[in-house]
N, C-alpha and C. Protein backbone atom coordinates (compact mmCIF):
# COMPACT_ATOMS: atom_id res chain seq x y z
N MET A 1 129.89 90.08 37.46
CA MET A 1 130.28 88.75 37.07
C MET A 1 130.56 88.78 35.57
N SER A 2 131.55 88.04 35.16
CA SER A 2 131.91 88.04 33.75
C SER A 2 130.85 87.30 32.93
N ARG A 3 130.81 87.61 31.64
CA ARG A 3 129.89 86.92 30.73
C ARG A 3 130.20 85.42 30.72
N ARG A 4 131.49 85.11 30.78
CA ARG A 4 131.90 83.70 30.78
C ARG A 4 131.32 82.97 31.99
N GLU A 5 131.41 83.58 33.16
CA GLU A 5 130.85 82.96 34.38
C GLU A 5 129.33 82.84 34.27
N GLN A 6 128.69 83.87 33.74
CA GLN A 6 127.24 83.81 33.57
C GLN A 6 126.84 82.64 32.68
N THR A 7 127.56 82.49 31.57
CA THR A 7 127.26 81.42 30.62
C THR A 7 127.63 80.06 31.19
N LEU A 8 128.83 79.95 31.70
CA LEU A 8 129.34 78.68 32.21
C LEU A 8 128.47 78.12 33.33
N PHE A 9 128.05 78.98 34.24
CA PHE A 9 127.29 78.53 35.41
C PHE A 9 125.79 78.83 35.31
N ASP A 10 125.34 79.33 34.15
CA ASP A 10 123.93 79.66 33.91
C ASP A 10 123.40 80.64 34.98
N LEU A 11 124.12 81.74 35.15
CA LEU A 11 123.76 82.69 36.19
C LEU A 11 123.23 84.02 35.65
N GLY A 12 123.10 84.15 34.36
CA GLY A 12 122.64 85.41 33.79
C GLY A 12 121.17 85.67 34.07
N ASP A 13 120.68 86.79 33.53
CA ASP A 13 119.28 87.17 33.74
C ASP A 13 118.29 86.13 33.22
N ASN A 14 118.71 85.36 32.23
CA ASN A 14 117.82 84.34 31.65
C ASN A 14 118.13 82.95 32.17
N SER A 15 118.66 82.85 33.36
CA SER A 15 119.02 81.57 33.94
C SER A 15 117.81 80.65 34.01
N ARG A 16 118.06 79.38 33.71
CA ARG A 16 117.01 78.36 33.77
C ARG A 16 117.04 77.61 35.11
N LEU A 17 117.93 78.00 35.99
CA LEU A 17 118.10 77.30 37.26
C LEU A 17 117.01 77.65 38.26
N THR A 18 116.76 76.71 39.17
CA THR A 18 115.87 77.03 40.28
C THR A 18 116.57 78.07 41.15
N PRO A 19 115.83 78.84 41.92
CA PRO A 19 116.46 79.86 42.76
C PRO A 19 117.53 79.30 43.70
N ALA A 20 117.28 78.13 44.28
CA ALA A 20 118.26 77.57 45.22
C ALA A 20 119.55 77.18 44.50
N VAL A 21 119.45 76.57 43.34
CA VAL A 21 120.65 76.16 42.60
C VAL A 21 121.38 77.41 42.09
N ARG A 22 120.64 78.39 41.65
CA ARG A 22 121.27 79.64 41.21
C ARG A 22 122.00 80.31 42.37
N ALA A 23 121.39 80.33 43.54
CA ALA A 23 122.05 80.91 44.72
C ALA A 23 123.32 80.14 45.07
N PHE A 24 123.24 78.80 45.00
CA PHE A 24 124.41 77.98 45.29
C PHE A 24 125.54 78.28 44.32
N ARG A 25 125.24 78.30 43.05
CA ARG A 25 126.28 78.57 42.06
C ARG A 25 126.84 79.98 42.21
N SER A 26 125.99 80.93 42.52
CA SER A 26 126.48 82.30 42.74
C SER A 26 127.43 82.35 43.93
N ALA A 27 127.05 81.65 45.00
CA ALA A 27 127.92 81.60 46.19
C ALA A 27 129.25 80.93 45.86
N LEU A 28 129.21 79.88 45.06
CA LEU A 28 130.42 79.17 44.67
C LEU A 28 131.35 80.07 43.86
N VAL A 29 130.80 80.77 42.87
CA VAL A 29 131.61 81.68 42.05
C VAL A 29 132.16 82.81 42.92
N LEU A 30 131.34 83.35 43.80
CA LEU A 30 131.79 84.42 44.70
C LEU A 30 132.91 83.93 45.61
N ALA A 31 132.75 82.76 46.20
CA ALA A 31 133.78 82.22 47.10
C ALA A 31 135.10 82.03 46.36
N GLN A 32 135.03 81.49 45.15
CA GLN A 32 136.24 81.29 44.36
C GLN A 32 136.91 82.63 44.03
N ARG A 33 136.11 83.62 43.67
CA ARG A 33 136.66 84.93 43.31
C ARG A 33 137.30 85.58 44.53
N LEU A 34 136.64 85.54 45.69
CA LEU A 34 137.20 86.14 46.90
C LEU A 34 138.48 85.42 47.33
N ARG A 35 138.48 84.11 47.23
CA ARG A 35 139.68 83.35 47.59
C ARG A 35 140.83 83.73 46.67
N TYR A 36 140.56 83.87 45.38
CA TYR A 36 141.59 84.27 44.42
C TYR A 36 142.14 85.65 44.79
N LEU A 37 141.26 86.59 45.09
CA LEU A 37 141.71 87.94 45.43
C LEU A 37 142.60 87.94 46.67
N MET A 38 142.22 87.17 47.69
CA MET A 38 143.05 87.13 48.91
C MET A 38 144.34 86.36 48.64
N ASP A 39 144.27 85.30 47.86
CA ASP A 39 145.50 84.60 47.48
C ASP A 39 146.48 85.56 46.80
N GLU A 40 145.97 86.42 45.94
CA GLU A 40 146.83 87.40 45.26
C GLU A 40 147.48 88.35 46.27
N ARG A 41 146.74 88.76 47.28
CA ARG A 41 147.28 89.66 48.31
C ARG A 41 148.39 88.97 49.11
N LEU A 42 148.23 87.69 49.36
CA LEU A 42 149.16 86.95 50.21
C LEU A 42 150.34 86.33 49.44
N ARG A 43 150.19 86.22 48.14
CA ARG A 43 151.18 85.52 47.31
C ARG A 43 152.61 86.03 47.49
N ALA A 44 152.79 87.34 47.55
CA ALA A 44 154.14 87.91 47.67
C ALA A 44 154.83 87.43 48.95
N ASP A 45 154.04 87.08 49.95
CA ASP A 45 154.60 86.61 51.22
C ASP A 45 154.64 85.08 51.30
N GLY A 46 154.26 84.42 50.21
CA GLY A 46 154.33 82.97 50.16
C GLY A 46 153.24 82.26 50.93
N LEU A 47 152.11 82.93 51.12
CA LEU A 47 150.99 82.32 51.85
C LEU A 47 149.78 82.17 50.95
N THR A 48 148.84 81.34 51.38
CA THR A 48 147.57 81.18 50.70
C THR A 48 146.44 81.54 51.66
N THR A 49 145.27 81.73 51.10
CA THR A 49 144.09 82.03 51.92
C THR A 49 143.81 80.90 52.91
N GLN A 50 143.97 79.66 52.46
CA GLN A 50 143.75 78.51 53.35
C GLN A 50 144.74 78.51 54.50
N GLN A 51 146.00 78.82 54.22
CA GLN A 51 147.00 78.89 55.29
C GLN A 51 146.65 80.00 56.27
N ALA A 52 146.21 81.14 55.74
CA ALA A 52 145.81 82.25 56.61
C ALA A 52 144.62 81.85 57.47
N ALA A 53 143.68 81.12 56.88
CA ALA A 53 142.51 80.67 57.64
C ALA A 53 142.92 79.73 58.77
N LEU A 54 143.86 78.84 58.49
CA LEU A 54 144.34 77.94 59.54
C LEU A 54 145.01 78.73 60.66
N LEU A 55 145.85 79.68 60.32
CA LEU A 55 146.50 80.50 61.36
C LEU A 55 145.46 81.27 62.18
N THR A 56 144.43 81.76 61.52
CA THR A 56 143.35 82.46 62.23
C THR A 56 142.68 81.52 63.23
N ALA A 57 142.39 80.30 62.79
CA ALA A 57 141.76 79.32 63.68
C ALA A 57 142.68 78.95 64.84
N VAL A 58 143.97 78.77 64.56
CA VAL A 58 144.92 78.41 65.62
C VAL A 58 144.98 79.52 66.67
N HIS A 59 145.01 80.77 66.23
CA HIS A 59 145.01 81.88 67.18
C HIS A 59 143.71 81.91 68.00
N ALA A 60 142.58 81.77 67.31
CA ALA A 60 141.28 81.86 67.98
C ALA A 60 141.03 80.70 68.93
N LEU A 61 141.54 79.52 68.58
CA LEU A 61 141.30 78.32 69.39
C LEU A 61 142.37 78.08 70.44
N ASP A 62 143.35 78.95 70.50
CA ASP A 62 144.40 78.88 71.52
C ASP A 62 145.13 77.54 71.50
N SER A 63 145.87 77.32 70.44
CA SER A 63 146.72 76.14 70.29
C SER A 63 145.91 74.83 70.27
N PRO A 64 145.08 74.68 69.25
CA PRO A 64 144.25 73.47 69.15
C PRO A 64 145.03 72.27 68.66
N THR A 65 144.40 71.12 68.70
CA THR A 65 144.95 69.94 68.05
C THR A 65 144.69 70.08 66.55
N LEU A 66 145.35 69.26 65.77
CA LEU A 66 145.14 69.28 64.33
C LEU A 66 143.68 68.94 63.99
N SER A 67 143.12 67.97 64.68
CA SER A 67 141.72 67.59 64.41
C SER A 67 140.76 68.73 64.69
N THR A 68 140.99 69.45 65.77
CA THR A 68 140.12 70.58 66.12
C THR A 68 140.26 71.70 65.09
N ALA A 69 141.48 71.96 64.65
CA ALA A 69 141.70 73.00 63.64
C ALA A 69 141.07 72.59 62.31
N ALA A 70 141.20 71.33 61.93
CA ALA A 70 140.59 70.85 60.68
C ALA A 70 139.07 71.01 60.74
N ALA A 71 138.48 70.65 61.88
CA ALA A 71 137.03 70.79 62.03
C ALA A 71 136.61 72.25 61.94
N ALA A 72 137.39 73.14 62.53
CA ALA A 72 137.06 74.56 62.49
C ALA A 72 137.07 75.09 61.06
N LEU A 73 137.97 74.56 60.23
CA LEU A 73 138.04 75.00 58.83
C LEU A 73 137.06 74.24 57.94
N GLY A 74 136.45 73.19 58.47
CA GLY A 74 135.55 72.37 57.66
C GLY A 74 136.30 71.63 56.58
N THR A 75 137.48 71.15 56.93
CA THR A 75 138.31 70.44 55.96
C THR A 75 138.75 69.10 56.53
N THR A 76 139.42 68.33 55.73
CA THR A 76 139.88 67.02 56.17
C THR A 76 141.14 67.14 57.02
N HIS A 77 141.39 66.12 57.79
CA HIS A 77 142.61 66.04 58.60
C HIS A 77 143.83 66.11 57.68
N GLN A 78 143.77 65.41 56.55
CA GLN A 78 144.88 65.38 55.60
C GLN A 78 145.17 66.77 55.03
N ASN A 79 144.13 67.50 54.64
CA ASN A 79 144.33 68.84 54.10
C ASN A 79 144.92 69.76 55.16
N ALA A 80 144.38 69.69 56.38
CA ALA A 80 144.90 70.52 57.47
C ALA A 80 146.36 70.17 57.76
N ALA A 81 146.70 68.89 57.70
CA ALA A 81 148.09 68.48 57.95
C ALA A 81 149.03 69.08 56.90
N GLN A 82 148.58 69.14 55.66
CA GLN A 82 149.40 69.77 54.61
C GLN A 82 149.59 71.26 54.88
N LEU A 83 148.54 71.92 55.33
CA LEU A 83 148.64 73.34 55.66
C LEU A 83 149.61 73.55 56.82
N VAL A 84 149.51 72.70 57.84
CA VAL A 84 150.40 72.78 59.00
C VAL A 84 151.85 72.58 58.57
N ALA A 85 152.09 71.60 57.71
CA ALA A 85 153.46 71.34 57.25
C ALA A 85 154.02 72.56 56.52
N ALA A 86 153.23 73.17 55.67
CA ALA A 86 153.70 74.35 54.93
C ALA A 86 153.97 75.51 55.87
N LEU A 87 153.07 75.73 56.82
CA LEU A 87 153.25 76.84 57.77
C LEU A 87 154.42 76.59 58.72
N SER A 88 154.67 75.34 59.04
CA SER A 88 155.83 75.01 59.88
C SER A 88 157.12 75.31 59.14
N ARG A 89 157.18 74.93 57.86
CA ARG A 89 158.37 75.23 57.04
C ARG A 89 158.61 76.74 56.93
N LYS A 90 157.54 77.50 56.94
CA LYS A 90 157.63 78.96 56.80
C LYS A 90 157.88 79.65 58.13
N GLY A 91 157.96 78.88 59.20
CA GLY A 91 158.24 79.44 60.52
C GLY A 91 157.07 80.19 61.15
N MET A 92 155.85 79.87 60.73
CA MET A 92 154.68 80.58 61.25
C MET A 92 153.90 79.75 62.27
N LEU A 93 154.26 78.47 62.37
CA LEU A 93 153.53 77.56 63.24
C LEU A 93 154.48 76.49 63.75
N ARG A 94 154.26 76.08 65.00
CA ARG A 94 155.01 74.96 65.57
C ARG A 94 154.01 73.89 66.01
N VAL A 95 154.46 72.65 65.96
CA VAL A 95 153.66 71.55 66.49
C VAL A 95 154.39 71.06 67.73
N GLU A 96 153.69 71.14 68.87
CA GLU A 96 154.31 70.79 70.15
C GLU A 96 153.47 69.74 70.88
N PRO A 97 154.11 68.95 71.74
CA PRO A 97 153.34 68.00 72.55
C PRO A 97 152.40 68.75 73.51
N ASP A 98 151.23 68.17 73.72
CA ASP A 98 150.29 68.72 74.68
C ASP A 98 150.87 68.50 76.08
N PRO A 99 150.97 69.54 76.91
CA PRO A 99 151.57 69.36 78.23
C PRO A 99 150.77 68.43 79.15
N HIS A 100 149.47 68.25 78.84
CA HIS A 100 148.62 67.40 79.69
C HIS A 100 148.48 65.97 79.16
N ASP A 101 148.81 65.77 77.88
CA ASP A 101 148.71 64.45 77.27
C ASP A 101 149.77 64.38 76.17
N ARG A 102 150.91 63.81 76.47
CA ARG A 102 152.05 63.81 75.56
C ARG A 102 151.77 63.10 74.23
N ARG A 103 150.70 62.32 74.16
CA ARG A 103 150.36 61.65 72.91
C ARG A 103 149.73 62.62 71.91
N ARG A 104 149.14 63.68 72.42
CA ARG A 104 148.48 64.67 71.57
C ARG A 104 149.46 65.77 71.18
N ARG A 105 149.23 66.35 70.02
CA ARG A 105 150.07 67.45 69.53
C ARG A 105 149.21 68.71 69.42
N ARG A 106 149.79 69.83 69.76
CA ARG A 106 149.11 71.12 69.70
C ARG A 106 149.75 72.01 68.65
N LEU A 107 148.93 72.79 67.98
CA LEU A 107 149.41 73.75 66.98
C LEU A 107 149.61 75.09 67.68
N VAL A 108 150.81 75.63 67.57
CA VAL A 108 151.17 76.85 68.29
C VAL A 108 151.70 77.88 67.29
N PRO A 109 151.07 79.06 67.24
CA PRO A 109 151.60 80.10 66.35
C PRO A 109 152.92 80.63 66.88
N THR A 110 153.79 81.02 65.99
CA THR A 110 155.09 81.57 66.39
C THR A 110 154.98 83.08 66.60
N ALA A 111 155.99 83.65 67.23
CA ALA A 111 156.04 85.11 67.38
C ALA A 111 156.10 85.78 66.01
N GLY A 112 156.79 85.13 65.08
CA GLY A 112 156.87 85.67 63.72
C GLY A 112 155.51 85.74 63.05
N SER A 113 154.67 84.77 63.33
CA SER A 113 153.31 84.77 62.78
C SER A 113 152.52 85.95 63.33
N ALA A 114 152.60 86.15 64.63
CA ALA A 114 151.87 87.27 65.25
C ALA A 114 152.34 88.61 64.70
N ALA A 115 153.64 88.76 64.55
CA ALA A 115 154.19 90.01 64.02
C ALA A 115 153.75 90.22 62.57
N TYR A 116 153.76 89.16 61.80
CA TYR A 116 153.35 89.26 60.39
C TYR A 116 151.91 89.75 60.28
N TRP A 117 151.01 89.12 61.04
CA TRP A 117 149.59 89.48 60.92
C TRP A 117 149.31 90.88 61.45
N SER A 118 149.97 91.29 62.50
CA SER A 118 149.71 92.64 63.02
C SER A 118 150.15 93.70 62.03
N SER A 119 151.12 93.38 61.18
CA SER A 119 151.57 94.36 60.18
C SER A 119 150.65 94.40 58.96
N ARG A 120 149.77 93.42 58.80
CA ARG A 120 148.91 93.34 57.61
C ARG A 120 147.49 93.82 57.85
N ASP A 121 147.00 93.81 59.04
CA ASP A 121 145.58 93.97 59.32
C ASP A 121 144.92 95.16 58.62
N ASP A 122 145.45 96.36 58.73
CA ASP A 122 144.80 97.54 58.18
C ASP A 122 144.64 97.45 56.67
N ALA A 123 145.70 97.11 55.97
CA ALA A 123 145.65 97.04 54.51
C ALA A 123 144.70 95.94 54.04
N ASP A 124 144.72 94.81 54.71
CA ASP A 124 143.82 93.72 54.33
C ASP A 124 142.37 94.10 54.57
N GLU A 125 142.11 94.76 55.68
CA GLU A 125 140.74 95.18 55.96
C GLU A 125 140.24 96.17 54.91
N GLU A 126 141.11 97.08 54.50
CA GLU A 126 140.74 98.03 53.44
C GLU A 126 140.46 97.32 52.13
N ALA A 127 141.26 96.32 51.79
CA ALA A 127 141.05 95.56 50.55
C ALA A 127 139.71 94.83 50.60
N VAL A 128 139.44 94.16 51.70
CA VAL A 128 138.18 93.43 51.83
C VAL A 128 137.00 94.40 51.75
N ALA A 129 137.11 95.54 52.39
CA ALA A 129 136.05 96.54 52.33
C ALA A 129 135.83 96.99 50.88
N SER A 130 136.90 97.12 50.11
CA SER A 130 136.76 97.55 48.71
C SER A 130 136.03 96.49 47.88
N TRP A 131 136.21 95.21 48.21
CA TRP A 131 135.54 94.15 47.47
C TRP A 131 134.02 94.18 47.69
N PHE A 132 133.60 94.69 48.84
CA PHE A 132 132.18 94.76 49.16
C PHE A 132 131.61 96.17 49.02
N ALA A 133 132.40 97.08 48.48
CA ALA A 133 132.01 98.49 48.42
C ALA A 133 130.79 98.75 47.53
N THR A 134 130.48 97.85 46.62
CA THR A 134 129.32 98.04 45.76
C THR A 134 128.01 97.91 46.53
N LEU A 135 128.07 97.30 47.72
CA LEU A 135 126.89 97.14 48.56
C LEU A 135 126.75 98.34 49.49
N THR A 136 125.53 98.78 49.68
CA THR A 136 125.29 99.83 50.66
C THR A 136 125.46 99.23 52.05
N PRO A 137 125.61 100.06 53.08
CA PRO A 137 125.70 99.50 54.43
C PRO A 137 124.49 98.62 54.78
N ALA A 138 123.30 99.03 54.36
CA ALA A 138 122.10 98.23 54.65
C ALA A 138 122.14 96.90 53.90
N GLU A 139 122.57 96.92 52.63
CA GLU A 139 122.68 95.68 51.87
C GLU A 139 123.72 94.75 52.47
N LEU A 140 124.84 95.31 52.88
CA LEU A 140 125.89 94.50 53.49
C LEU A 140 125.40 93.87 54.79
N ALA A 141 124.66 94.62 55.59
CA ALA A 141 124.09 94.08 56.83
C ALA A 141 123.11 92.95 56.52
N THR A 142 122.27 93.15 55.51
CA THR A 142 121.31 92.11 55.12
C THR A 142 122.03 90.88 54.60
N TRP A 143 123.04 91.08 53.76
CA TRP A 143 123.81 89.97 53.22
C TRP A 143 124.47 89.18 54.36
N SER A 144 125.04 89.89 55.31
CA SER A 144 125.68 89.22 56.45
C SER A 144 124.67 88.44 57.28
N THR A 145 123.50 89.01 57.47
CA THR A 145 122.45 88.33 58.22
C THR A 145 121.99 87.07 57.49
N LEU A 146 121.80 87.17 56.19
CA LEU A 146 121.34 86.02 55.41
C LEU A 146 122.39 84.92 55.34
N THR A 147 123.64 85.28 55.14
CA THR A 147 124.67 84.24 55.09
C THR A 147 124.85 83.59 56.45
N SER A 148 124.75 84.37 57.51
CA SER A 148 124.83 83.79 58.86
C SER A 148 123.67 82.82 59.10
N LYS A 149 122.49 83.19 58.63
CA LYS A 149 121.33 82.32 58.79
C LYS A 149 121.57 80.98 58.10
N LEU A 150 122.11 81.02 56.88
CA LEU A 150 122.42 79.78 56.17
C LEU A 150 123.49 78.98 56.90
N LEU A 151 124.57 79.65 57.28
CA LEU A 151 125.67 78.96 57.97
C LEU A 151 125.21 78.33 59.28
N ASN A 152 124.26 78.95 59.95
CA ASN A 152 123.78 78.42 61.23
C ASN A 152 122.88 77.21 61.07
N THR A 153 122.36 76.97 59.85
CA THR A 153 121.44 75.85 59.67
C THR A 153 122.02 74.73 58.81
N LEU A 154 123.08 75.02 58.05
CA LEU A 154 123.68 73.97 57.24
C LEU A 154 124.52 73.04 58.11
N PRO A 155 124.52 71.75 57.76
CA PRO A 155 125.37 70.82 58.52
C PRO A 155 126.84 71.14 58.29
N THR A 156 127.64 70.88 59.31
CA THR A 156 129.08 71.06 59.17
C THR A 156 129.70 69.69 58.94
N HIS A 157 130.81 69.72 58.21
CA HIS A 157 131.54 68.48 58.00
C HIS A 157 133.02 68.80 57.95
N PRO A 158 133.82 68.26 58.74
CA PRO A 158 133.44 67.39 59.85
C PRO A 158 132.81 68.21 60.98
N PRO A 159 132.03 67.54 61.82
CA PRO A 159 131.40 68.29 62.91
C PRO A 159 132.43 68.86 63.87
N PRO A 160 132.12 70.04 64.47
CA PRO A 160 133.06 70.63 65.44
C PRO A 160 133.26 69.69 66.63
N GLN A 161 134.46 69.74 67.20
CA GLN A 161 134.76 68.87 68.34
C GLN A 161 134.71 69.63 69.63
């Protein structure tokens, strides 16, 4: 972590923060740094980490509604709608009527989206692995266990549908 981040967020060795607040701020700085790194990887293709996350959710949820996708990302309907609009303009996502309820709209990934992601997977996985390379396999397993424990007990907003 940079000296500036340590000073700005009081995260250095002499931090005056309680352990919980220090952990929160560390997680916040880490999340911002990881998002920046992935944004840099995707920038040449005109995508953002948030757009990639939405496409991941759409694939995993098998053509969800906008509300379901927003809930999966833990974001607002408005933010998800902006992501959908951008991805639609880029030809990576379509919004189609639900065949069972024409009032509802479903998010559908395009063939171009699937082709794009299949061409990126290996390089992206290597990049992500390099970001965590400072951790031993045991440390990485512990970190994953601890973050999962937190994620499993923290409230979600909006709640999943």
